[in-house]
Amino acid sequence: MTEKKQKIVLAYSGGLDTSVILKWLIDKNFEVIAYVADVGQDDDFEEVIQKARQIGASQVYIDDLRQELVEEYIFPAIQANALYEGRYLLGTALARPLIAKRQIELAGKCGAEYVSHGATGKGNDQVRFELAYYALNPKINVIAPWKDKEFLHEFSGRPDMLKYAVHHGIPVKASIKKPYSEDDNLVHISHEAGVLEDPAFTPGKEILSKIVHPSDAPDHITQISIHFKNGIPALVSNIECGLQVSGSLEIFQYLNKLGSENGIGLLDMVENRFVGIKSRGIYESPGATILFQAHRDMEGISMDREVLKLRNMLSPLFAELVYNGFWFSPEMDFLRAAISKSQELIDGKVNIGLYKGNVLIEGRESPSSLYNRDLSSMDIEGGFDQHDSEGFIRINAIRLMAHGAITKKSSYAEVPA
């Protein structure tokens, strides 16, 4: 009697690593279900599906997650003004919890007790996948080949995987044209590892695939306006041609297009991985960069000062939780609720110029505006009595004078009695 194989759902991309892992799991007597997530990457999904079947996957599922990625992950990050280490727009990190969530759902549907991924044991994605797995199904069994002793003994690096692929008839597209690793989705494309591991190495323009280099962008400004409702983009208007775009996915795709044409969103940085390793990455994030700048400006006119101050304290915490893989955590639930509350009056329109890698804010208006021209004007007396400022300054100076009297005594000349 043939032993019944245990089912495992593998997050499958069609690349060398996950293709080798698919075959390796089959050799370990698993029935492998390949899960392909469409998060906006530039892939031939039919080719990916056929490849998984050719290798031996019992079933192949492809899931279009683009709309959910935009609405449930990207837009909340924009509302939070989330930047990891003040720079990175979290492109890879935002997609991973969604992929993991749907992978766990598929495992439940198919009766699989195991899930697997192809993330390295040195990176962030292993943490993001596995924390999400355990948060959503505490009883799930995870097989992470790049942390498996037997797998590591068999595959010390890419050459071993290529040999294995050739031996087992796994089609590969090995190329020296791109001697680095890439991750592509709606938010960005990232480039890291390989030649980029030298932090002083300067890549050429050929590395770019989502945007033109800013120096090659058009010599004229592309003018648009972005309309927000509750901190979420609701409409984009192209001021030049009159085109209006609505719908969450359509808006993000259109901003990606405009950002791409104008060289928006290029970032080269060295960041700190959660596991404690520094990593150099080059990112192209056109649409997300435009939205981040526009949203932050919209808050300037429509968000209360003290609410803005508190929300800005939460923004780096939100970014860190996303980066480190804690999307499905109680602290993230708390942060999302607080940030969502802060966005209730972030309504209005921001006018923007896109020019050679720059997002130029050209004006804004809001029905929830807290800006009072009469109060702020230097030319109109308005409702602000400038004499009140004298007492305001004296009150705020009390503790400074007391501190100065103690710490800087010796610097003061004695005043004659």
Protein backbone atom coordinates (compact mmCIF):
# COMPACT_ATOMS: atom_id res chain seq x y z
CA MET A 1 0.00 0.00 0.00
CA THR A 2 1.42 3.35 -1.06
CA GLU A 3 2.02 5.79 1.79
CA LYS A 4 -0.14 8.88 1.49
CA LYS A 5 1.95 11.95 0.77
CA GLN A 6 1.64 14.99 2.98
CA LYS A 7 0.57 18.18 1.24
CA ILE A 8 2.65 21.34 1.29
CA VAL A 9 1.84 24.76 -0.19
CA LEU A 10 4.94 26.41 -1.64
CA ALA A 11 5.10 30.14 -2.35
CA TYR A 12 6.33 29.77 -5.94
CA SER A 13 7.78 32.51 -8.14
CA GLY A 14 9.11 30.47 -11.06
CA GLY A 15 12.70 31.52 -10.40
CA LEU A 16 15.69 29.25 -9.88
CA ASP A 17 15.40 28.99 -6.07
CA THR A 18 11.72 28.09 -5.79
CA SER A 19 11.89 25.81 -8.84
CA VAL A 20 14.71 23.81 -7.25
CA ILE A 21 12.87 23.82 -3.92
CA LEU A 22 9.70 22.54 -5.61
CA LYS A 23 11.58 19.53 -7.01
CA TRP A 24 13.51 19.02 -3.76
CA LEU A 25 10.24 18.86 -1.77
CA ILE A 26 8.80 16.37 -4.24
CA ASP A 27 11.91 14.22 -3.73
CA LYS A 28 11.19 14.41 0.01
CA ASN A 29 7.86 12.71 -0.73
CA PHE A 30 5.65 15.78 -0.40
CA GLU A 31 2.70 16.53 -2.62
CA VAL A 32 3.59 20.08 -3.58
CA ILE A 33 0.92 22.67 -4.33
CA ALA A 34 2.49 25.70 -6.02
CA TYR A 35 1.03 29.06 -5.03
CA VAL A 36 1.72 31.95 -7.40
CA ALA A 37 0.81 35.44 -6.14
CA ASP A 38 0.30 38.24 -8.65
CA VAL A 39 1.33 41.37 -6.75
CA GLY A 40 2.07 43.37 -9.88
CA GLN A 41 5.40 41.85 -10.91
CA ASP A 42 6.32 41.80 -14.59
CA ASP A 43 6.06 38.03 -15.16
CA ASP A 44 4.62 35.69 -17.76
CA PHE A 45 2.27 33.88 -15.38
CA GLU A 46 1.23 31.26 -17.91
CA GLU A 47 4.88 30.34 -18.32
CA VAL A 48 5.32 30.18 -14.53
CA ILE A 49 2.30 27.88 -14.19
CA GLN A 50 3.50 25.56 -16.96
CA LYS A 51 6.97 25.41 -15.38
CA ALA A 52 5.55 24.40 -11.99
CA ARG A 53 3.49 21.65 -13.61
CA GLN A 54 6.46 20.43 -15.63
CA ILE A 55 8.56 20.12 -12.47
CA GLY A 56 5.83 18.10 -10.79
CA ALA A 57 3.48 20.31 -8.77
CA SER A 58 0.22 18.48 -8.13
CA GLN A 59 -1.74 21.73 -8.37
CA VAL A 60 -0.89 25.32 -9.30
CA TYR A 61 -2.90 28.26 -8.00
CA ILE A 62 -2.48 31.82 -9.24
CA ASP A 63 -4.05 34.65 -7.29
CA ASP A 64 -4.44 38.27 -8.43
CA LEU A 65 -3.71 40.21 -5.24
CA ARG A 66 -3.07 43.63 -6.77
CA GLN A 67 -6.30 45.31 -5.66
CA GLU A 68 -6.01 43.98 -2.12
CA LEU A 69 -2.34 44.96 -1.97
CA VAL A 70 -3.17 48.55 -2.85
CA GLU A 71 -6.22 48.96 -0.62
CA GLU A 72 -5.25 46.96 2.46
CA TYR A 73 -1.48 47.39 2.58
CA ILE A 74 -0.12 50.23 0.41
CA PHE A 75 -2.75 52.85 1.26
CA PRO A 76 -2.54 52.23 5.04
CA ALA A 77 1.24 52.70 4.75
CA ILE A 78 0.70 55.97 2.87
CA GLN A 79 -1.76 57.12 5.57
CA ALA A 80 0.94 56.36 8.14
CA ASN A 81 3.63 58.22 6.15
CA ALA A 82 5.67 55.08 6.73
CA LEU A 83 9.36 55.16 5.81
CA TYR A 84 11.77 52.58 7.18
CA GLU A 85 14.85 54.33 8.58
CA GLY A 86 13.43 57.55 7.17
CA ARG A 87 13.96 56.53 3.53
CA TYR A 88 12.57 53.16 2.37
CA LEU A 89 8.93 52.90 1.21
CA LEU A 90 8.65 49.22 2.24
CA GLY A 91 7.83 47.76 -1.17
CA THR A 92 8.83 44.15 -0.53
CA ALA A 93 7.77 44.22 3.12
CA LEU A 94 4.19 45.31 2.32
CA ALA A 95 3.58 42.45 -0.12
CA ARG A 96 4.87 39.58 2.04
CA PRO A 97 2.11 39.44 4.69
CA LEU A 98 -0.57 39.41 1.99
CA ILE A 99 1.12 36.55 0.13
CA ALA A 100 1.54 34.63 3.39
CA LYS A 101 -2.11 35.22 4.35
CA ARG A 102 -3.43 33.82 1.10
CA GLN A 103 -0.95 30.94 1.28
CA ILE A 104 -2.30 29.96 4.70
CA GLU A 105 -5.87 30.24 3.41
CA LEU A 106 -5.00 27.94 0.49
CA ALA A 107 -3.37 25.44 2.84
CA GLY A 108 -6.61 25.29 4.83
CA LYS A 109 -8.67 24.87 1.67
CA CYS A 110 -6.45 22.07 0.34
CA GLY A 111 -5.98 20.30 3.67
CA ALA A 112 -2.23 20.96 3.74
CA GLU A 113 -0.45 20.87 7.08
CA TYR A 114 2.76 22.37 5.69
CA VAL A 115 3.80 25.58 3.95
CA SER A 116 7.15 26.57 2.47
CA HIS A 117 8.98 29.54 0.98
CA GLY A 118 12.27 30.22 -0.77
CA ALA A 119 13.59 33.07 1.37
CA THR A 120 17.20 32.99 2.49
CA GLY A 121 18.17 32.50 6.12
CA LYS A 122 20.10 35.78 6.09
CA GLY A 123 17.30 38.09 4.98
CA ASN A 124 14.09 39.73 6.13
CA ASP A 125 11.59 37.78 4.04
CA GLN A 126 12.01 34.55 6.01
CA VAL A 127 10.87 36.46 9.11
CA ARG A 128 7.98 38.17 7.32
CA PHE A 129 6.65 34.92 5.87
CA GLU A 130 7.02 32.81 8.98
CA LEU A 131 5.71 35.32 11.52
CA ALA A 132 2.63 35.73 9.33
CA TYR A 133 2.22 31.94 9.00
CA TYR A 134 2.31 31.39 12.75
CA ALA A 135 0.11 34.38 13.54
CA LEU A 136 -2.60 33.16 11.16
CA ASN A 137 -2.30 29.43 11.92
CA PRO A 138 -0.35 28.59 15.09
CA LYS A 139 -0.49 24.87 14.20
CA ILE A 140 1.02 25.21 10.73
CA ASN A 141 4.27 23.38 9.95
CA VAL A 142 6.88 25.44 8.11
CA ILE A 143 9.64 24.05 5.94
CA ALA A 144 12.27 26.69 5.13
CA PRO A 145 14.87 24.93 2.94
CA TRP A 146 17.49 27.65 3.27
CA LYS A 147 17.63 26.86 7.00
CA ASP A 148 17.53 23.08 6.50
CA LYS A 149 20.89 21.33 7.13
CA GLU A 150 20.31 18.70 4.45
CA PHE A 151 19.35 21.33 1.87
CA LEU A 152 22.32 23.54 2.75
CA HIS A 153 24.67 20.56 2.49
CA GLU A 154 23.37 19.84 -1.02
CA PHE A 155 23.22 23.45 -2.20
CA SER A 156 26.08 25.69 -1.13
CA GLY A 157 25.20 28.31 -3.71
CA ARG A 158 23.82 29.17 -7.13
CA PRO A 159 26.20 26.88 -9.12
CA ASP A 160 24.93 23.81 -7.21
CA MET A 161 21.33 24.84 -7.90
CA LEU A 162 22.03 25.27 -11.61
CA LYS A 163 23.61 21.81 -11.79
CA TYR A 164 20.61 20.32 -9.98
CA ALA A 165 18.23 22.10 -12.36
CA VAL A 166 20.05 20.81 -15.43
CA HIS A 167 20.19 17.28 -14.01
CA HIS A 168 16.43 17.23 -13.35
CA GLY A 169 15.40 18.99 -16.53
CA ILE A 170 14.22 22.17 -14.79
CA PRO A 171 14.21 25.05 -17.27
CA VAL A 172 16.27 28.00 -16.06
CA LYS A 173 17.10 31.42 -17.41
CA ALA A 174 20.58 31.93 -15.99
CA SER A 175 22.11 35.18 -17.13
CA ILE A 176 25.13 37.32 -16.29
CA LYS A 177 23.38 40.44 -17.57
CA LYS A 178 21.88 41.02 -14.13
CA PRO A 179 24.45 39.91 -11.54
CA TYR A 180 22.17 40.84 -8.64
CA SER A 181 18.83 39.84 -7.11
CA GLU A 182 15.50 41.59 -7.79
CA ASP A 183 12.05 41.68 -6.24
CA ASP A 184 9.27 43.23 -8.30
CA ASN A 185 5.75 44.26 -7.34
CA LEU A 186 3.32 47.16 -7.66
CA VAL A 187 5.15 49.28 -5.09
CA HIS A 188 8.67 48.95 -6.42
CA ILE A 189 11.43 46.86 -7.84
CA SER A 190 14.41 46.25 -5.57
CA HIS A 191 17.96 45.39 -6.61
CA GLU A 192 20.41 43.86 -4.15
CA ALA A 193 23.18 41.28 -3.65
CA GLY A 194 25.73 40.28 -6.29
CA VAL A 195 27.81 43.21 -7.51
CA LEU A 196 25.73 45.54 -5.35
CA GLU A 197 27.18 44.00 -2.18
CA ASP A 198 30.05 46.45 -2.62
CA PRO A 199 28.46 49.58 -1.12
CA ALA A 200 30.85 51.78 -3.13
CA PHE A 201 29.93 50.21 -6.48
CA THR A 202 28.07 52.64 -8.76
CA PRO A 203 25.67 50.84 -11.13
CA GLY A 204 24.87 52.25 -14.55
CA LYS A 205 21.49 53.32 -15.87
CA GLU A 206 20.93 49.81 -17.20
CA ILE A 207 19.99 48.63 -13.71
CA LEU A 208 16.74 50.62 -13.89
CA SER A 209 13.65 48.81 -15.13
CA LYS A 210 10.65 50.67 -13.64
CA ILE A 211 11.76 54.26 -14.19
CA VAL A 212 13.91 56.23 -16.60
CA HIS A 213 16.96 57.81 -15.07
CA PRO A 214 16.12 61.35 -13.89
CA SER A 215 18.68 62.78 -16.33
CA ASP A 216 16.78 61.15 -19.22
CA ALA A 217 13.33 62.31 -18.10
CA PRO A 218 11.42 64.93 -20.16
CA ASP A 219 12.48 68.57 -20.00
CA HIS A 220 8.96 69.75 -19.17
CA ILE A 221 6.92 69.49 -15.96
CA THR A 222 4.03 67.02 -15.85
CA GLN A 223 1.28 68.66 -13.80
CA ILE A 224 -1.31 66.60 -11.93
CA SER A 225 -3.61 66.91 -8.95
CA ILE A 226 -4.36 64.17 -6.42
CA HIS A 227 -7.64 64.24 -4.53
CA PHE A 228 -7.75 62.63 -1.07
CA LYS A 229 -10.64 61.39 1.06
CA ASN A 230 -9.78 60.28 4.60
CA GLY A 231 -6.13 60.24 3.65
CA ILE A 232 -6.72 57.86 0.72
CA PRO A 233 -6.31 58.92 -2.93
CA ALA A 234 -9.71 59.02 -4.62
CA LEU A 235 -8.95 60.72 -7.94
CA VAL A 236 -5.95 61.76 -10.03
CA SER A 237 -6.35 64.50 -12.63
CA ASN A 238 -3.83 65.18 -15.37
CA ILE A 239 -3.95 68.96 -15.67
CA GLU A 240 -2.35 68.95 -19.13
CA CYS A 241 -4.64 66.54 -20.95
CA GLY A 242 -7.68 66.55 -18.67
CA LEU A 243 -7.58 62.80 -18.01
CA GLN A 244 -9.13 61.73 -14.71
CA VAL A 245 -8.37 58.39 -13.10
CA SER A 246 -10.32 56.82 -10.22
CA GLY A 247 -10.30 53.40 -8.56
CA SER A 248 -7.56 52.36 -6.14
CA LEU A 249 -5.60 50.02 -8.41
CA GLU A 250 -6.07 52.24 -11.46
CA ILE A 251 -4.83 55.31 -9.56
CA PHE A 252 -1.73 53.53 -8.32
CA GLN A 253 -0.92 52.11 -11.74
CA TYR A 254 -1.35 55.54 -13.35
CA LEU A 255 0.93 57.19 -10.79
CA ASN A 256 3.47 54.43 -11.43
CA LYS A 257 3.29 55.27 -15.14
CA LEU A 258 3.75 59.02 -14.61
CA GLY A 259 6.48 58.48 -12.04
CA SER A 260 8.27 56.08 -14.37
CA GLU A 261 8.25 58.58 -17.24
CA ASN A 262 9.60 61.35 -15.03
CA GLY A 263 12.32 59.40 -13.18
CA ILE A 264 10.58 59.54 -9.81
CA GLY A 265 11.41 57.29 -6.85
CA LEU A 266 15.05 56.21 -7.18
CA LEU A 267 16.75 55.32 -3.89
CA ASP A 268 20.17 53.81 -3.13
CA MET A 269 20.70 53.07 0.57
CA VAL A 270 22.36 50.83 3.12
CA GLU A 271 19.75 49.62 5.61
CA ASN A 272 19.65 47.49 8.74
CA ARG A 273 17.97 44.12 8.31
CA PHE A 274 15.96 42.75 11.22
CA VAL A 275 18.41 39.85 11.63
CA GLY A 276 21.22 42.33 12.37
CA ILE A 277 22.97 42.48 9.01
CA LYS A 278 23.45 45.66 7.01
CA SER A 279 22.28 45.45 3.41
CA ARG A 280 22.66 47.70 0.37
CA GLY A 281 19.57 48.04 -1.79
CA ILE A 282 18.57 50.09 -4.82
CA TYR A 283 14.86 50.78 -5.13
CA GLU A 284 12.58 52.20 -7.82
CA SER A 285 9.25 53.29 -6.29
CA PRO A 286 7.59 55.78 -8.67
CA GLY A 287 3.91 55.85 -7.69
CA ALA A 288 4.49 55.36 -3.96
CA THR A 289 6.95 58.27 -3.88
CA ILE A 290 4.43 60.62 -5.51
CA LEU A 291 1.65 59.54 -3.14
CA PHE A 292 3.84 59.85 -0.06
CA GLN A 293 4.80 63.43 -0.87
CA ALA A 294 1.24 64.45 -1.78
CA HIS A 295 -0.31 62.86 1.30
CA ARG A 296 2.19 64.44 3.66
CA ASP A 297 1.43 67.84 2.16
CA MET A 298 -2.34 67.29 2.47
CA GLU A 299 -1.89 66.65 6.18
CA GLY A 300 -0.09 69.97 6.55
CA ILE A 301 -3.25 71.96 5.82
CA SER A 302 -5.91 69.68 7.32
CA MET A 303 -4.45 67.90 10.37
CA ASP A 304 -4.40 69.40 13.86
CA ARG A 305 -0.91 70.21 15.13
CA GLU A 306 -1.01 67.95 18.19
CA VAL A 307 -2.60 65.06 16.28
CA LEU A 308 0.10 65.43 13.64
CA LYS A 309 2.77 65.36 16.33
CA LEU A 310 1.38 62.15 17.83
CA ARG A 311 0.88 60.48 14.47
CA ASN A 312 4.44 61.35 13.48
CA MET A 313 5.62 59.51 16.60
CA LEU A 314 3.77 56.43 15.38
CA SER A 315 5.01 56.55 11.77
CA PRO A 316 8.50 55.08 12.37
CA LEU A 317 7.00 52.41 14.65
CA PHE A 318 4.54 51.45 11.92
CA ALA A 319 7.36 51.27 9.36
CA GLU A 320 9.52 49.15 11.65
CA LEU A 321 6.69 46.69 12.32
CA VAL A 322 6.06 46.31 8.59
CA TYR A 323 9.75 45.89 7.80
CA ASN A 324 10.29 43.34 10.57
CA GLY A 325 7.26 41.22 9.67
CA PHE A 326 4.78 42.08 12.42
CA TRP A 327 1.81 43.01 10.22
CA PHE A 328 -0.44 40.49 12.00
CA SER A 329 0.31 41.59 15.55
CA PRO A 330 -1.68 43.27 18.34
CA GLU A 331 0.59 46.31 18.25
CA MET A 332 -0.05 46.74 14.52
CA ASP A 333 -3.81 46.47 15.12
CA PHE A 334 -3.48 49.29 17.65
CA LEU A 335 -1.36 51.47 15.35
CA ARG A 336 -3.66 50.99 12.37
CA ALA A 337 -6.70 51.99 14.43
CA ALA A 338 -4.96 55.11 15.75
CA ILE A 339 -3.63 56.14 12.33
CA SER A 340 -7.00 55.53 10.68
CA LYS A 341 -8.62 57.85 13.24
CA SER A 342 -6.07 60.56 12.43
CA GLN A 343 -7.07 60.47 8.76
CA GLU A 344 -10.77 61.27 9.11
CA LEU A 345 -10.40 64.88 7.94
CA ILE A 346 -7.51 64.47 5.49
CA ASP A 347 -9.59 65.55 2.51
CA GLY A 348 -8.81 67.80 -0.42
CA LYS A 349 -6.58 68.27 -3.42
CA VAL A 350 -2.81 68.64 -3.87
CA ASN A 351 -1.37 70.08 -7.09
CA ILE A 352 1.91 68.51 -8.12
CA GLY A 353 4.59 68.93 -10.75
CA LEU A 354 6.70 65.93 -11.77
CA TYR A 355 10.10 66.87 -13.14
CA LYS A 356 13.32 64.89 -13.55
CA GLY A 357 13.07 62.83 -10.37
CA ASN A 358 11.40 65.56 -8.33
CA VAL A 359 7.90 65.77 -6.87
CA LEU A 360 7.14 69.49 -6.73
CA ILE A 361 4.25 70.56 -4.50
CA GLU A 362 2.51 73.46 -6.24
CA GLY A 363 -0.51 74.14 -4.03
CA ARG A 364 -3.26 72.53 -2.03
CA GLU A 365 -6.85 73.10 -0.89
CA SER A 366 -9.08 71.28 1.58
CA PRO A 367 -12.67 71.51 2.85
CA SER A 368 -11.16 70.55 6.23
CA SER A 369 -8.49 73.25 6.05
CA LEU A 370 -7.22 74.58 9.38
CA TYR A 371 -5.32 77.32 7.61
CA ASN A 372 -6.68 80.80 8.38
CA ARG A 373 -5.27 83.43 6.08
CA ASP A 374 -6.43 86.31 8.25
CA LEU A 375 -4.72 84.88 11.34
CA SER A 376 -1.44 84.13 9.61
CA SER A 377 -1.26 87.22 7.40
CA MET A 378 1.39 89.87 8.03
CA ASP A 379 -0.82 92.38 6.25
CA ILE A 380 -4.15 91.84 8.01
CA GLU A 381 -4.70 92.34 11.76
CA GLY A 382 -7.24 89.50 11.87
CA GLY A 383 -8.40 87.89 15.08
CA PHE A 384 -4.95 87.52 16.64
CA ASP A 385 -3.88 90.21 19.08
CA GLN A 386 -0.12 90.45 18.68
CA HIS A 387 0.22 91.93 22.19
CA ASP A 388 -0.75 88.48 23.55
CA SER A 389 2.54 87.10 22.24
CA GLU A 390 4.48 89.01 24.86
CA GLY A 391 2.89 87.09 27.73
CA PHE A 392 3.04 83.85 25.75
CA ILE A 393 6.80 84.21 25.34
CA ARG A 394 7.35 85.20 29.01
CA ILE A 395 5.46 82.12 30.25
CA ASN A 396 7.47 79.81 28.00
CA ALA A 397 10.71 81.48 29.07
CA ILE A 398 10.22 80.85 32.82
CA ARG A 399 11.82 77.40 32.89
CA LEU A 400 14.56 78.49 30.45
CA MET A 401 15.55 81.39 32.70
CA ALA A 402 15.57 79.10 35.75
CA HIS A 403 17.74 76.55 33.91
CA GLY A 404 20.06 79.25 32.65
CA ALA A 405 20.47 80.76 36.11
CA ILE A 406 21.68 77.39 37.44
CA THR A 407 23.85 76.10 34.59
CA LYS A 408 25.36 79.34 33.31
CA LYS A 409 25.87 81.32 36.55
CA SER A 410 29.52 81.96 35.96
CA SER A 411 28.88 83.55 32.56
CA TYR A 412 26.70 86.32 33.99
CA ALA A 413 28.19 89.58 35.23
CA GLU A 414 27.22 90.54 38.75
CA VAL A 415 24.58 93.23 38.75
CA PRO A 416 25.31 95.97 41.34
CA ALA A 417 22.75 96.21 44.12
